[in-house]
Protein backbone atom coordinates (compact mmCIF):
# COMPACT_ATOMS: atom_id res chain seq x y z
CA MET A 1 2.63 16.73 -16.20
CA ALA A 2 0.93 13.92 -14.37
CA LYS A 3 3.75 13.10 -12.29
CA ARG A 4 4.16 16.81 -11.32
CA ILE A 5 0.55 17.02 -10.36
CA ALA A 6 0.88 13.98 -8.24
CA GLU A 7 4.07 15.23 -6.59
CA SER A 8 2.67 18.53 -5.86
CA LEU A 9 0.20 17.35 -3.24
CA SER A 10 0.78 17.17 0.48
CA PRO A 11 -1.42 15.46 3.08
CA ARG A 12 -4.27 17.65 4.41
CA PRO A 13 -3.61 18.64 8.03
CA PHE A 14 -5.73 17.07 10.89
CA ARG A 15 -8.63 19.20 11.82
CA LYS A 16 -8.44 20.17 15.45
CA GLY A 17 -8.94 17.48 17.79
CA GLU A 18 -9.09 14.67 14.87
CA PHE A 19 -5.82 13.15 15.61
CA ASP A 20 -6.91 12.63 18.93
CA ARG A 21 -10.48 11.27 18.29
CA SER A 22 -9.20 8.93 15.53
CA ASN A 23 -7.65 5.68 15.32
CA VAL A 24 -4.48 6.91 13.50
CA PHE A 25 -1.89 4.72 12.25
CA VAL A 26 1.73 6.28 12.01
CA VAL A 27 3.97 4.31 9.73
CA TYR A 28 7.02 4.79 7.74
CA SER A 29 6.69 4.31 3.69
CA ARG A 30 9.72 3.44 1.91
CA LYS A 31 7.72 4.23 -1.28
CA VAL A 32 7.82 8.00 -0.59
CA GLU A 33 10.52 7.97 2.06
CA ARG A 34 8.51 9.50 4.58
CA GLU A 35 6.29 8.97 7.82
CA ILE A 36 2.50 8.91 6.80
CA LYS A 37 -0.67 9.16 8.81
CA VAL A 38 -3.88 7.21 8.01
CA ILE A 39 -6.86 6.99 9.90
CA GLY A 40 -8.55 3.53 10.56
CA PRO A 41 -7.60 -0.25 9.86
CA ALA A 42 -9.11 -0.18 6.32
CA ASN A 43 -7.07 2.71 5.13
CA PHE A 44 -3.94 1.10 6.89
CA ASP A 45 -4.58 -2.32 4.85
CA ALA A 46 -5.29 -0.02 1.84
CA TRP A 47 -1.97 1.70 2.40
CA LEU A 48 -0.20 -1.78 2.40
CA LEU A 49 -1.45 -2.72 -0.92
CA ILE A 50 -0.46 0.57 -2.18
CA GLU A 51 3.10 0.49 -0.87
CA PHE A 52 3.66 -2.99 -2.06
CA ASP A 53 1.89 -2.47 -5.59
CA VAL A 54 5.06 -2.01 -8.04
CA ASP A 55 3.22 -0.48 -10.76
CA ILE A 56 2.35 2.67 -8.21
CA ILE A 57 5.50 4.67 -7.88
CA ASN A 58 3.92 7.89 -5.63
CA PHE A 59 1.04 8.44 -3.67
CA CYS A 60 -0.34 10.94 -1.27
CA GLU A 61 -2.45 10.04 1.92
CA ARG A 62 -5.41 12.33 2.80
CA PRO A 63 -4.88 14.59 -0.11
CA PRO A 64 -6.50 18.05 -0.17
CA LEU A 65 -9.10 17.04 -2.67
CA ASP A 66 -12.54 15.29 -2.42
CA LEU A 67 -15.43 14.06 -4.26
CA THR A 68 -18.51 16.34 -4.64
CA LEU A 69 -21.62 14.13 -3.68
CA MET A 70 -24.84 14.35 -5.76
CA PRO A 71 -26.83 16.87 -5.91
CA THR A 72 -23.78 19.24 -6.24
CA LYS A 73 -26.18 21.85 -5.12
CA GLU A 74 -26.14 20.50 -1.45
CA GLY A 75 -22.28 21.12 -1.41
CA LYS A 76 -21.46 17.81 0.31
CA HIS A 77 -18.24 16.38 -0.06
CA ARG A 78 -16.29 13.22 0.59
CA PRO A 79 -12.61 13.58 0.93
CA TYR A 80 -10.34 11.15 -0.88
CA ASP A 81 -8.03 8.84 1.13
CA PHE A 82 -5.37 8.55 -1.37
CA TRP A 83 -4.12 9.86 -4.55
CA VAL A 84 -1.98 7.43 -6.49
CA LEU A 85 0.50 7.86 -9.52
CA HIS A 86 1.12 4.83 -11.71
CA ARG A 87 4.36 4.06 -13.46
CA ARG A 88 2.85 4.73 -16.75
CA GLY A 89 1.53 8.02 -15.59
CA GLY A 90 -1.98 7.50 -15.04
CA GLN A 91 -3.25 8.63 -11.76
CA HIS A 92 -6.42 8.71 -9.73
CA GLY A 93 -8.11 9.37 -6.33
CA LEU A 94 -8.87 6.60 -4.04
CA ILE A 95 -11.73 6.46 -1.59
CA VAL A 96 -11.63 3.60 1.04
CA TYR A 97 -15.36 3.16 2.10
CA ASP A 98 -15.95 1.94 5.54
CA PRO A 99 -19.33 2.04 7.08
CA GLN A 100 -17.97 1.28 10.29
CA LEU A 101 -16.49 4.91 10.19
CA PRO A 102 -18.99 7.64 11.14
CA ARG A 103 -18.56 9.67 7.83
CA ASP A 104 -19.44 6.51 5.41
CA GLY A 105 -22.02 5.22 7.94
CA ARG A 106 -23.95 8.17 6.94
CA LEU A 107 -23.14 7.91 3.14
CA PRO A 108 -25.33 5.56 1.17
CA VAL A 109 -22.80 3.46 -1.19
CA ASP A 110 -25.29 4.19 -4.11
CA LEU A 111 -24.87 7.71 -3.37
CA LEU A 112 -21.02 7.34 -3.36
CA LYS A 113 -21.28 5.21 -6.71
CA ARG A 114 -23.44 7.90 -8.68
CA SER A 115 -21.07 10.61 -7.41
CA VAL A 116 -18.10 8.72 -8.92
CA ALA A 117 -19.63 8.32 -12.11
CA GLU A 118 -20.20 11.94 -12.45
CA VAL A 119 -16.85 13.12 -11.60
CA ASP A 120 -14.41 14.37 -14.12
CA ARG A 121 -11.53 12.61 -12.91
CA ALA A 122 -10.49 8.96 -12.20
CA VAL A 123 -11.57 7.72 -8.94
CA GLU A 124 -11.92 4.14 -7.38
CA ILE A 125 -13.65 2.98 -4.60
CA TRP A 126 -12.20 0.19 -2.62
CA PHE A 127 -14.50 -1.50 0.12
CA ALA A 128 -13.43 -2.16 3.80
CA SER A 129 -15.24 -5.72 3.18
CA ASP A 130 -13.15 -6.70 0.30
CA LEU A 131 -10.02 -5.72 2.25
CA ARG A 132 -11.04 -7.74 5.01
CA ALA A 133 -11.47 -10.72 2.29
CA ARG A 134 -7.92 -10.52 1.40
CA SER A 135 -6.82 -10.99 5.02
CA THR A 136 -4.01 -13.60 4.03
CA LEU A 137 -2.36 -11.09 1.86
CA ILE A 138 -2.57 -8.35 3.93
CA ARG A 139 -1.47 -10.21 7.01
CA ASN A 140 1.55 -11.14 5.23
CA LEU A 141 2.46 -7.80 3.62
CA LYS A 142 2.05 -6.53 7.59
CA GLN A 143 5.01 -9.02 8.40
CA LEU A 144 7.12 -7.79 5.57
CA GLN A 145 6.58 -4.01 6.38
CA PRO A 146 8.90 -3.92 9.14
CA TYR A 147 11.65 -5.04 7.21
CA VAL A 148 11.10 -2.75 4.41
CA ALA A 149 10.94 0.23 6.89
CA MET A 150 14.16 -0.71 8.63
CA ASP A 151 16.88 1.69 8.38
CA HIS A 152 19.85 -0.44 7.24
CA ALA A 153 22.38 -0.17 4.44
CA LEU A 154 21.58 -2.81 1.46
CA ASP A 155 24.23 -5.68 1.41
CA ARG A 156 24.94 -5.78 -2.19
CA ALA A 157 26.66 -9.12 -2.04
CA LEU A 158 23.52 -10.79 -0.38
CA ARG A 159 21.28 -9.12 -2.59
CA SER A 160 23.27 -10.37 -5.60
CA GLN A 161 23.04 -13.90 -4.43
CA ILE A 162 19.56 -13.71 -3.82
CA LEU A 163 18.69 -12.64 -7.42
CA GLU A 164 21.05 -15.24 -8.92
CA ARG A 165 19.32 -17.89 -6.98
CA VAL A 166 15.75 -16.70 -7.76
CA ASN A 167 16.68 -15.72 -11.34
CA ALA A 168 18.08 -19.35 -12.00
CA GLY A 169 14.52 -20.50 -13.32
CA LYS A 170 14.23 -23.19 -10.91
CA GLU A 171 11.40 -23.17 -7.98
CA VAL A 172 12.91 -21.74 -4.80
CA THR A 173 11.43 -21.20 -1.49
CA TRP A 174 11.92 -18.65 1.57
CA SER A 175 13.89 -21.67 3.07
CA ASP A 176 15.96 -22.06 -0.11
CA ILE A 177 17.23 -18.55 0.04
CA HIS A 178 18.10 -18.95 3.90
CA GLN A 179 20.08 -22.05 3.19
CA SER A 180 22.11 -20.92 0.37
CA ALA A 181 22.82 -17.52 2.04
CA LYS A 182 23.89 -19.07 5.47
CA LEU A 183 26.92 -16.85 5.93
CA TRP A 184 24.71 -13.97 6.66
CA TYR A 185 22.28 -13.18 9.67
CA SER A 186 18.96 -14.86 9.13
CA GLY A 187 17.08 -11.57 9.87
CA LEU A 188 19.14 -9.37 7.32
CA ILE A 189 18.14 -12.37 4.47
CA SER A 190 14.90 -11.81 5.37
CA ALA A 191 15.05 -8.03 5.49
CA GLU A 192 16.66 -8.18 1.90
CA LEU A 193 14.19 -10.73 0.58
CA ALA A 194 11.46 -8.23 1.93
CA ARG A 195 13.16 -5.29 0.13
CA LEU A 196 13.25 -7.21 -3.10
CA ILE A 197 9.66 -8.15 -2.77
CA HIS A 198 8.64 -4.47 -2.11
CA SER A 199 10.85 -3.22 -5.29
CA GLY A 200 9.36 -6.00 -7.65
CA ASN A 201 12.76 -7.59 -8.12
CA VAL A 202 11.02 -10.78 -6.56
CA VAL A 203 7.66 -12.11 -6.73
CA ALA A 204 6.54 -13.87 -3.67
CA ASP A 205 3.28 -16.04 -3.41
CA LEU A 206 1.67 -14.04 -0.55
CA SER A 207 -2.18 -14.41 -1.41
CA GLN A 208 -2.76 -18.14 -0.84
CA ALA A 209 -0.96 -19.03 2.60
CA PRO A 210 0.66 -17.36 5.57
CA LEU A 211 4.21 -16.27 4.95
CA SER A 212 6.38 -18.99 5.82
CA MET A 213 9.55 -20.79 4.85
CA SER A 214 7.71 -22.68 2.42
CA THR A 215 6.57 -19.52 0.71
CA ARG A 216 7.46 -19.80 -3.05
CA LEU A 217 9.56 -16.93 -4.64
CA THR A 218 10.16 -16.38 -8.67
CA ALA A 219 11.48 -13.81 -10.92
CA PRO A 220 9.09 -10.98 -11.92
């Protein structure tokens, strides 16, 4: 039931002139196999975390759902930025709170938190300041995303060799994979690695240092 609810959602249309006035990021999501549009850098960064979270199997950006702000009699609402579905069936709304945007600049965070506490559905608040604090991880995901979005066929032989090397139980780096797969084009090796990280078949240490040939890779 939960999966059907999440998959029935479609992004809300942009209001007249909203697309032209806003800082809109248009990107291809491999997770949902379609083009998505999100407003503002904080929402783009939040989408990257959702896109590469292997526990999230589906999402809808700009869902046609919103949070009723307290007191309810005033009839004010804050739209959700995402609705996400987890592998085990749990789902929730997500608000990316960015006071640099007009709608959140006029919305006190205490009011937002009180409203979330009163709602009868699961809602998370992600703060733009927290996303900026994860700049190393997000920068690395930005480097992987173009490879993941590339329209190329999987090279099963290369993928098998990479997985065999990573699953051997010894510490392996990005450079090690390139050295052991020298028969393939370097860009294709990086693309297969990026897709394996995206799918959760390979785990990369992306939070501590910029992506490089020394980035460590492990089995999940």
